[in-house]
C-alpha atoms as a PDB file:
ATOM      1  CA  MET A   1      75.251  52.017  97.884  1.00  0.00           C
ATOM      2  CA  ASP A   2      75.109  49.612 100.827  1.00  0.00           C
ATOM      3  CA  LYS A   3      77.799  50.086 103.458  1.00  0.00           C
ATOM      4  CA  PHE A   4      79.872  47.420 105.162  1.00  0.00           C
ATOM      5  CA  LYS A   5      79.377  47.572 108.924  1.00  0.00           C
ATOM      6  CA  GLY A   6      80.975  44.306 109.955  1.00  0.00           C
ATOM      7  CA  SER A   7      78.887  41.214 110.485  1.00  0.00           C
ATOM      8  CA  GLN A   8      77.622  38.957 113.204  1.00  0.00           C
ATOM      9  CA  ASN A   9      80.524  36.588 112.569  1.00  0.00           C
ATOM     10  CA  TYR A  10      83.257  39.118 111.813  1.00  0.00           C
ATOM     11  CA  VAL A  11      84.418  41.853 114.175  1.00  0.00           C
ATOM     12  CA  ALA A  12      85.932  44.700 112.136  1.00  0.00           C
ATOM     13  CA  SER A  13      87.619  47.840 113.434  1.00  0.00           C
ATOM     14  CA  GLU A  14      86.251  51.258 112.491  1.00  0.00           C
ATOM     15  CA  GLU A  15      89.321  51.887 110.330  1.00  0.00           C
ATOM     16  CA  LEU A  16      88.822  48.652 108.413  1.00  0.00           C
ATOM     17  CA  MET A  17      85.141  49.335 107.792  1.00  0.00           C
ATOM     18  CA  ARG A  18      86.009  52.814 106.503  1.00  0.00           C
ATOM     19  CA  ALA A  19      88.656  51.343 104.166  1.00  0.00           C
ATOM     20  CA  VAL A  20      86.162  48.833 102.730  1.00  0.00           C
ATOM     21  CA  ASN A  21      83.515  51.469 102.141  1.00  0.00           C
ATOM     22  CA  ILE A  22      85.830  54.067 100.584  1.00  0.00           C
ATOM     23  CA  ALA A  23      87.254  51.419  98.223  1.00  0.00           C
ATOM     24  CA  MET A  24      83.698  50.648  97.066  1.00  0.00           C
ATOM     25  CA  VAL A  25      82.931  54.348  96.594  1.00  0.00           C
ATOM     26  CA  LEU A  26      86.142  54.931  94.607  1.00  0.00           C
ATOM     27  CA  GLN A  27      85.628  51.642  92.709  1.00  0.00           C
ATOM     28  CA  LYS A  28      89.195  50.592  93.437  1.00  0.00           C
ATOM     29  CA  PRO A  29      90.581  47.264  94.650  1.00  0.00           C
ATOM     30  CA  LEU A  30      91.113  47.086  98.416  1.00  0.00           C
ATOM     31  CA  LEU A  31      94.566  45.720  99.237  1.00  0.00           C
ATOM     32  CA  ILE A  32      94.650  44.130 102.686  1.00  0.00           C
ATOM     33  CA  LYS A  33      97.896  43.270 104.428  1.00  0.00           C
ATOM     34  CA  GLY A  34      98.520  41.860 107.871  1.00  0.00           C
ATOM     35  CA  GLU A  35      99.930  38.924 109.785  1.00  0.00           C
ATOM     36  CA  PRO A  36      98.651  35.474 108.810  1.00  0.00           C
ATOM     37  CA  GLY A  37      95.570  34.678 110.858  1.00  0.00           C
ATOM     38  CA  THR A  38      94.304  38.250 111.255  1.00  0.00           C
ATOM     39  CA  GLY A  39      91.157  37.591 109.219  1.00  0.00           C
ATOM     40  CA  LYS A  40      92.125  38.942 105.792  1.00  0.00           C
ATOM     41  CA  THR A  41      90.414  36.164 103.866  1.00  0.00           C
ATOM     42  CA  MET A  42      87.418  36.101 106.190  1.00  0.00           C
ATOM     43  CA  LEU A  43      86.907  39.812 105.493  1.00  0.00           C
ATOM     44  CA  ALA A  44      85.802  39.069 101.920  1.00  0.00           C
ATOM     45  CA  GLU A  45      83.412  36.411 103.202  1.00  0.00           C
ATOM     46  CA  ALA A  46      81.953  38.899 105.684  1.00  0.00           C
ATOM     47  CA  ILE A  47      81.528  41.607 103.017  1.00  0.00           C
ATOM     48  CA  ALA A  48      79.737  39.156 100.726  1.00  0.00           C
ATOM     49  CA  ALA A  49      77.443  38.000 103.542  1.00  0.00           C
ATOM     50  CA  THR A  50      76.657  41.525 104.735  1.00  0.00           C
ATOM     51  CA  LEU A  51      75.972  42.943 101.263  1.00  0.00           C
ATOM     52  CA  GLU A  52      74.258  39.692 100.170  1.00  0.00           C
ATOM     53  CA  LYS A  53      76.492  39.280  97.146  1.00  0.00           C
ATOM     54  CA  LYS A  54      78.134  36.229  95.601  1.00  0.00           C
ATOM     55  CA  LEU A  55      81.766  35.619  96.577  1.00  0.00           C
ATOM     56  CA  ILE A  56      84.267  34.439  93.945  1.00  0.00           C
ATOM     57  CA  VAL A  57      87.646  33.353  95.335  1.00  0.00           C
ATOM     58  CA  TRP A  58      90.828  33.292  93.272  1.00  0.00           C
ATOM     59  CA  ASN A  59      93.486  31.518  95.336  1.00  0.00           C
ATOM     60  CA  ILE A  60      96.934  32.546  94.140  1.00  0.00           C
ATOM     61  CA  LYS A  61      99.833  30.074  94.041  1.00  0.00           C
ATOM     62  CA  SER A  62     103.491  30.449  93.100  1.00  0.00           C
ATOM     63  CA  THR A  63     102.695  29.085  89.614  1.00  0.00           C
ATOM     64  CA  THR A  64      99.625  31.278  89.002  1.00  0.00           C
ATOM     65  CA  LYS A  65      99.705  33.587  85.981  1.00  0.00           C
ATOM     66  CA  ALA A  66      97.419  36.568  85.405  1.00  0.00           C
ATOM     67  CA  GLN A  67      96.127  34.838  82.279  1.00  0.00           C
ATOM     68  CA  ASP A  68      94.697  32.052  84.487  1.00  0.00           C
ATOM     69  CA  GLY A  69      92.232  34.499  85.991  1.00  0.00           C
ATOM     70  CA  LEU A  70      90.976  35.661  82.605  1.00  0.00           C
ATOM     71  CA  TYR A  71      90.471  32.462  80.610  1.00  0.00           C
ATOM     72  CA  VAL A  72      92.083  29.163  79.690  1.00  0.00           C
ATOM     73  CA  TYR A  73      92.157  27.844  76.111  1.00  0.00           C
ATOM     74  CA  ASP A  74      92.271  24.048  76.201  1.00  0.00           C
ATOM     75  CA  VAL A  75      94.274  23.477  73.026  1.00  0.00           C
ATOM     76  CA  VAL A  76      95.195  19.939  74.114  1.00  0.00           C
ATOM     77  CA  GLN A  77      91.544  18.853  74.326  1.00  0.00           C
ATOM     78  CA  ARG A  78      90.810  20.442  70.961  1.00  0.00           C
ATOM     79  CA  LEU A  79      93.723  18.585  69.387  1.00  0.00           C
ATOM     80  CA  TYR A  80      92.528  15.349  70.959  1.00  0.00           C
ATOM     81  CA  ASP A  81      88.989  15.877  69.653  1.00  0.00           C
ATOM     82  CA  SER A  82      90.269  16.659  66.155  1.00  0.00           C
ATOM     83  CA  GLN A  83      92.287  13.455  66.080  1.00  0.00           C
ATOM     84  CA  PHE A  84      89.505  11.234  67.371  1.00  0.00           C
ATOM     85  CA  GLY A  85      86.558  12.747  65.590  1.00  0.00           C
ATOM     86  CA  GLY A  86      85.044  14.788  68.412  1.00  0.00           C
ATOM     87  CA  GLU A  87      82.092  16.984  67.484  1.00  0.00           C
ATOM     88  CA  GLY A  88      82.231  20.767  67.411  1.00  0.00           C
ATOM     89  CA  VAL A  89      85.990  20.937  67.016  1.00  0.00           C
ATOM     90  CA  ASP A  90      85.670  24.071  64.872  1.00  0.00           C
ATOM     91  CA  ASN A  91      83.819  25.856  67.660  1.00  0.00           C
ATOM     92  CA  ILE A  92      86.801  27.341  69.509  1.00  0.00           C
ATOM     93  CA  GLU A  93      84.487  28.908  72.087  1.00  0.00           C
ATOM     94  CA  LYS A  94      83.804  25.384  73.338  1.00  0.00           C
ATOM     95  CA  TYR A  95      87.439  25.085  74.460  1.00  0.00           C
ATOM     96  CA  VAL A  96      87.628  28.449  76.217  1.00  0.00           C
ATOM     97  CA  LYS A  97      86.899  28.416  79.942  1.00  0.00           C
ATOM     98  CA  LEU A  98      86.683  31.651  81.895  1.00  0.00           C
ATOM     99  CA  GLY A  99      88.888  32.095  84.958  1.00  0.00           C
ATOM    100  CA  LYS A 100      87.829  33.687  88.230  1.00  0.00           C
ATOM    101  CA  LEU A 101      88.188  37.250  86.941  1.00  0.00           C
ATOM    102  CA  GLY A 102      86.241  36.292  83.826  1.00  0.00           C
ATOM    103  CA  GLU A 103      83.504  34.775  86.007  1.00  0.00           C
ATOM    104  CA  ALA A 104      83.304  37.976  88.051  1.00  0.00           C
ATOM    105  CA  PHE A 105      83.022  40.099  84.903  1.00  0.00           C
ATOM    106  CA  THR A 106      80.288  38.007  83.303  1.00  0.00           C
ATOM    107  CA  ASP A 107      78.086  37.438  86.344  1.00  0.00           C
ATOM    108  CA  ARG A 108      74.649  39.006  86.002  1.00  0.00           C
ATOM    109  CA  GLU A 109      74.952  40.641  89.424  1.00  0.00           C
ATOM    110  CA  GLN A 110      77.786  42.511  91.102  1.00  0.00           C
ATOM    111  CA  VAL A 111      80.025  40.069  92.970  1.00  0.00           C
ATOM    112  CA  ILE A 112      82.777  40.211  95.581  1.00  0.00           C
ATOM    113  CA  LEU A 113      86.060  39.007  94.036  1.00  0.00           C
ATOM    114  CA  LEU A 114      88.756  37.881  96.462  1.00  0.00           C
ATOM    115  CA  ILE A 115      92.277  37.655  95.015  1.00  0.00           C
ATOM    116  CA  ASP A 116      93.863  35.785  97.901  1.00  0.00           C
ATOM    117  CA  GLU A 117      97.579  36.003  98.756  1.00  0.00           C
ATOM    118  CA  ILE A 118      98.686  37.899  95.663  1.00  0.00           C
ATOM    119  CA  ASP A 119     102.272  38.035  96.951  1.00  0.00           C
ATOM    120  CA  LYS A 120     102.668  34.281  96.340  1.00  0.00           C
ATOM    121  CA  ALA A 121     102.820  34.846  92.573  1.00  0.00           C
ATOM    122  CA  ASP A 122     105.827  36.190  90.666  1.00  0.00           C
ATOM    123  CA  LEU A 123     106.611  39.903  90.578  1.00  0.00           C
ATOM    124  CA  GLU A 124     105.019  40.437  87.166  1.00  0.00           C
ATOM    125  CA  PHE A 125     101.641  39.054  88.216  1.00  0.00           C
ATOM    126  CA  PRO A 126     100.154  42.266  89.736  1.00  0.00           C
ATOM    127  CA  ASN A 127     101.279  44.418  86.810  1.00  0.00           C
ATOM    128  CA  ASP A 128      99.818  41.921  84.350  1.00  0.00           C
ATOM    129  CA  LEU A 129      96.396  42.554  85.906  1.00  0.00           C
ATOM    130  CA  LEU A 130      96.525  46.361  85.727  1.00  0.00           C
ATOM    131  CA  TRP A 131      94.750  46.728  82.379  1.00  0.00           C
ATOM    132  CA  GLU A 132      91.949  44.335  83.250  1.00  0.00           C
ATOM    133  CA  LEU A 133      91.340  45.837  86.696  1.00  0.00           C
ATOM    134  CA  ASP A 134      91.401  49.379  85.286  1.00  0.00           C
ATOM    135  CA  ARG A 135      89.307  48.827  82.158  1.00  0.00           C
ATOM    136  CA  MET A 136      87.169  45.956  83.432  1.00  0.00           C
ATOM    137  CA  GLU A 137      87.561  44.075  80.170  1.00  0.00           C
ATOM    138  CA  PHE A 138      89.891  41.669  78.395  1.00  0.00           C
ATOM    139  CA  TYR A 139      90.323  40.282  74.892  1.00  0.00           C
ATOM    140  CA  ILE A 140      90.322  36.597  73.873  1.00  0.00           C
ATOM    141  CA  PRO A 141      92.351  36.434  70.629  1.00  0.00           C
ATOM    142  CA  GLU A 142      91.445  32.797  69.959  1.00  0.00           C
ATOM    143  CA  THR A 143      87.782  33.729  69.528  1.00  0.00           C
ATOM    144  CA  GLY A 144      88.055  37.444  68.761  1.00  0.00           C
ATOM    145  CA  ARG A 145      85.749  38.210  71.693  1.00  0.00           C
ATOM    146  CA  THR A 146      86.141  41.028  74.192  1.00  0.00           C
ATOM    147  CA  VAL A 147      84.782  40.181  77.627  1.00  0.00           C
ATOM    148  CA  LYS A 148      83.451  43.288  79.369  1.00  0.00           C
ATOM    149  CA  ALA A 149      82.287  43.446  82.968  1.00  0.00           C
ATOM    150  CA  ASN A 150      78.516  43.591  83.365  1.00  0.00           C
ATOM    151  CA  HIS A 151      79.143  45.107  86.788  1.00  0.00           C
ATOM    152  CA  ARG A 152      82.412  46.234  88.355  1.00  0.00           C
ATOM    153  CA  PRO A 153      83.123  43.651  91.075  1.00  0.00           C
ATOM    154  CA  VAL A 154      84.142  44.673  94.582  1.00  0.00           C
ATOM    155  CA  VAL A 155      87.769  43.489  94.523  1.00  0.00           C
ATOM    156  CA  ILE A 156      89.503  42.473  97.750  1.00  0.00           C
ATOM    157  CA  ILE A 157      93.197  41.589  97.453  1.00  0.00           C
ATOM    158  CA  THR A 158      95.125  40.039 100.340  1.00  0.00           C
ATOM    159  CA  SER A 159      98.870  39.890 100.897  1.00  0.00           C
ATOM    160  CA  ASN A 160     101.023  38.446 103.656  1.00  0.00           C
ATOM    161  CA  ALA A 161     103.793  40.873 102.645  1.00  0.00           C
ATOM    162  CA  GLU A 162     106.088  38.054 101.502  1.00  0.00           C
ATOM    163  CA  LYS A 163     107.095  40.217  98.517  1.00  0.00           C
ATOM    164  CA  GLU A 164     106.918  43.912  97.757  1.00  0.00           C
ATOM    165  CA  LEU A 165     104.209  44.746  95.230  1.00  0.00           C
ATOM    166  CA  PRO A 166     104.939  47.068  92.266  1.00  0.00           C
ATOM    167  CA  ASP A 167     104.333  50.786  92.788  1.00  0.00           C
ATOM    168  CA  ALA A 168     102.157  51.024  89.675  1.00  0.00           C
ATOM    169  CA  PHE A 169      99.873  48.376  91.142  1.00  0.00           C
ATOM    170  CA  LEU A 170      99.805  49.968  94.616  1.00  0.00           C
ATOM    171  CA  ARG A 171      98.768  53.326  93.150  1.00  0.00           C
ATOM    172  CA  ARG A 172      95.563  51.759  91.864  1.00  0.00           C
ATOM    173  CA  CYS A 173      94.525  50.286  95.219  1.00  0.00           C
ATOM    174  CA  VAL A 174      93.095  51.479  98.496  1.00  0.00           C
ATOM    175  CA  PHE A 175      95.406  50.074 101.169  1.00  0.00           C
ATOM    176  CA  HIS A 176      94.708  48.894 104.708  1.00  0.00           C
ATOM    177  CA  TYR A 177      96.941  47.051 107.165  1.00  0.00           C
ATOM    178  CA  ILE A 178      95.060  44.923 109.675  1.00  0.00           C
ATOM    179  CA  GLU A 179      96.838  45.396 112.974  1.00  0.00           C
ATOM    180  CA  PHE A 180      96.893  42.416 115.276  1.00  0.00           C
ATOM    181  CA  PRO A 181      93.899  42.803 117.641  1.00  0.00           C
ATOM    182  CA  ASP A 182      94.504  44.226 121.091  1.00  0.00           C
ATOM    183  CA  LYS A 183      93.061  42.383 124.090  1.00  0.00           C
ATOM    184  CA  GLU A 184      89.751  44.234 123.978  1.00  0.00           C
ATOM    185  CA  LEU A 185      89.122  43.541 120.297  1.00  0.00           C
ATOM    186  CA  MET A 186      90.353  39.969 120.670  1.00  0.00           C
ATOM    187  CA  ALA A 187      87.834  39.428 123.480  1.00  0.00           C
ATOM    188  CA  GLN A 188      85.060  40.567 121.110  1.00  0.00           C
ATOM    189  CA  ILE A 189      86.310  38.194 118.415  1.00  0.00           C
ATOM    190  CA  VAL A 190      86.435  35.298 120.869  1.00  0.00           C
ATOM    191  CA  ARG A 191      82.888  35.972 122.090  1.00  0.00           C
ATOM    192  CA  VAL A 192      81.650  35.701 118.498  1.00  0.00           C
ATOM    193  CA  HIS A 193      82.948  32.122 118.460  1.00  0.00           C
ATOM    194  CA  PHE A 194      82.152  31.301 122.109  1.00  0.00           C
ATOM    195  CA  PRO A 195      79.160  33.423 123.214  1.00  0.00           C
ATOM    196  CA  SER A 196      78.832  31.715 126.614  1.00  0.00           C
ATOM    197  CA  LEU A 197      82.545  31.427 127.431  1.00  0.00           C
ATOM    198  CA  ASP A 198      83.412  31.544 131.121  1.00  0.00           C
ATOM    199  CA  GLU A 199      84.788  35.006 131.905  1.00  0.00           C
ATOM    200  CA  LYS A 200      87.615  33.682 134.079  1.00  0.00           C
ATOM    201  CA  LEU A 201      88.729  31.324 131.308  1.00  0.00           C
ATOM    202  CA  LEU A 202      88.700  34.153 128.771  1.00  0.00           C
ATOM    203  CA  THR A 203      90.734  36.417 131.075  1.00  0.00           C
ATOM    204  CA  GLN A 204      93.362  33.753 131.725  1.00  0.00           C
ATOM    205  CA  VAL A 205      93.639  32.761 128.055  1.00  0.00           C
ATOM    206  CA  LEU A 206      94.078  36.376 126.976  1.00  0.00           C
ATOM    207  CA  GLU A 207      96.777  36.935 129.595  1.00  0.00           C
ATOM    208  CA  ALA A 208      98.732  33.831 128.581  1.00  0.00           C
ATOM    209  CA  PHE A 209      98.252  34.378 124.836  1.00  0.00           C
ATOM    210  CA  TYR A 210      99.521  37.957 124.783  1.00  0.00           C
ATOM    211  CA  LYS A 211     102.349  37.087 127.135  1.00  0.00           C
ATOM    212  CA  ILE A 212     103.460  34.441 124.613  1.00  0.00           C
ATOM    213  CA  ARG A 213     103.237  36.908 121.714  1.00  0.00           C
ATOM    214  CA  GLN A 214     105.332  39.457 123.624  1.00  0.00           C
ATOM    215  CA  LEU A 215     108.238  37.057 124.167  1.00  0.00           C
ATOM    216  CA  PRO A 216     110.973  38.234 121.766  1.00  0.00           C
ATOM    217  CA  GLN A 217     112.338  34.688 121.510  1.00  0.00           C
ATOM    218  CA  ILE A 218     109.143  33.463 119.776  1.00  0.00           C
ATOM    219  CA  LYS A 219     109.708  33.591 116.014  1.00  0.00           C
ATOM    220  CA  LYS A 220     106.279  32.448 114.737  1.00  0.00           C
ATOM    221  CA  LYS A 221     103.858  34.302 116.945  1.00  0.00           C
ATOM    222  CA  PRO A 222     100.453  32.640 117.385  1.00  0.00           C
ATOM    223  CA  SER A 223      97.558  34.089 115.398  1.00  0.00           C
ATOM    224  CA  THR A 224      93.884  34.670 116.067  1.00  0.00           C
ATOM    225  CA  SER A 225      92.964  31.309 114.548  1.00  0.00           C
ATOM    226  CA  GLU A 226      95.347  29.537 116.947  1.00  0.00           C
ATOM    227  CA  MET A 227      93.802  31.442 119.827  1.00  0.00           C
ATOM    228  CA  ILE A 228      90.345  30.127 118.834  1.00  0.00           C
ATOM    229  CA  ASP A 229      91.649  26.570 118.475  1.00  0.00           C
ATOM    230  CA  TRP A 230      93.341  26.792 121.880  1.00  0.00           C
ATOM    231  CA  ILE A 231      90.164  27.902 123.626  1.00  0.00           C
ATOM    232  CA  GLU A 232      88.234  25.084 121.967  1.00  0.00           C
ATOM    233  CA  ALA A 233      90.820  22.557 123.196  1.00  0.00           C
ATOM    234  CA  LEU A 234      90.743  23.980 126.729  1.00  0.00           C
ATOM    235  CA  ILE A 235      86.941  23.851 126.858  1.00  0.00           C
ATOM    236  CA  HIS A 236      86.825  20.328 125.427  1.00  0.00           C
ATOM    237  CA  GLU A 237      89.267  19.019 128.020  1.00  0.00           C
ATOM    238  CA  GLY A 238      87.701  20.974 130.902  1.00  0.00           C
ATOM    239  CA  VAL A 239      90.984  22.633 131.901  1.00  0.00           C
ATOM    240  CA  ASP A 240      90.928  24.597 135.154  1.00  0.00           C
ATOM    241  CA  PRO A 241      91.403  28.297 134.222  1.00  0.00           C
ATOM    242  CA  GLY A 242      93.844  28.630 137.122  1.00  0.00           C
ATOM    243  CA  ARG A 243      96.313  26.362 135.293  1.00  0.00           C
ATOM    244  CA  ILE A 244      96.374  28.255 132.022  1.00  0.00           C
ATOM    245  CA  VAL A 245      98.896  31.018 132.766  1.00  0.00           C
ATOM    246  CA  SER A 246     101.220  28.906 134.891  1.00  0.00           C
ATOM    247  CA  GLU A 247     101.274  25.734 132.788  1.00  0.00           C
ATOM    248  CA  VAL A 248     100.136  26.775 129.283  1.00  0.00           C
ATOM    249  CA  PRO A 249      98.377  23.456 128.606  1.00  0.00           C
ATOM    250  CA  TYR A 250      98.134  22.143 125.023  1.00  0.00           C
ATOM    251  CA  LEU A 251     101.029  24.338 123.966  1.00  0.00           C
ATOM    252  CA  GLY A 252     101.192  22.532 120.616  1.00  0.00           C
ATOM    253  CA  VAL A 253      97.908  24.177 119.607  1.00  0.00           C
ATOM    254  CA  VAL A 254      99.431  27.626 120.140  1.00  0.00           C
ATOM    255  CA  LEU A 255     103.009  27.192 118.901  1.00  0.00           C
ATOM    256  CA  LYS A 256     104.010  25.192 115.839  1.00  0.00           C
ATOM    257  CA  LYS A 257     107.811  25.123 115.965  1.00  0.00           C
ATOM    258  CA  ASN A 258     110.095  23.147 118.284  1.00  0.00           C
ATOM    259  CA  GLU A 259     112.412  26.117 118.798  1.00  0.00           C
ATOM    260  CA  ASP A 260     109.496  28.336 119.830  1.00  0.00           C
ATOM    261  CA  MET A 261     108.226  25.754 122.301  1.00  0.00           C
ATOM    262  CA  ASP A 262     111.729  25.359 123.764  1.00  0.00           C
ATOM    263  CA  ALA A 263     112.122  29.141 123.962  1.00  0.00           C
ATOM    264  CA  LEU A 264     108.835  29.490 125.831  1.00  0.00           C
ATOM    265  CA  ARG A 265     109.732  26.784 128.345  1.00  0.00           C
ATOM    266  CA  ARG A 266     113.087  28.500 129.018  1.00  0.00           C
ATOM    267  CA  ASN A 267     111.640  31.985 129.397  1.00  0.00           C
ATOM    268  CA  TRP A 268     108.188  31.428 130.900  1.00  0.00           C
ATOM    269  CA  ARG A 269     107.728  33.033 134.323  1.00  0.00           C
END
């Protein structure tokens, strides 16, 4: 089996790479938690690129049900066709559309399946998926067909820890928490995006960025993605690196709440 070793566009810690690889060996979903902006979603993209496999993304919303990932039976369209003389109305299969999990099961090759932000759904959602993720099959009563996985997908599940997930679900996963990068790892991440970045600019940005994150008055701490956006803004405007720590230019790229911006201005030294 191919191993995940990070990618050219994704800097992964040794612990994260080990978690990915052991989840693939054990054939269990990998549950990834961490602050928003720590690269949870990008991890699935990097795994797919590195292993040269198709990526299927199931974005979870507050209204998402487990059934949506299996299949959808369009009874309304069938009723419409029956009333207006549509052809093939007796062919129920025509009105059944596979969801993202169904797509992953029926693909001819093994795929990477990302179930993104599972904690947005209701509390029953993870438990409703247990059978399908364990058995790699599901039943469609409308057609009498059982859909079985041609290949067990590599399942990556992300959570922002907005809700606690059920214990029965957690027992079936390999778990990894992505710690926020330290300065050294963050510098590596930044260099992926800006290979020729001026060293003085990088040093000053890192100093200011981590100083902001360490202020206890800041409620929504800036993430890696905001760090990247900030550097891009500083480069575009040609800001003198010597101004960055003292003035924190383009603060609105880094902080997104009025109270945080006011807190920084009051406490910045």
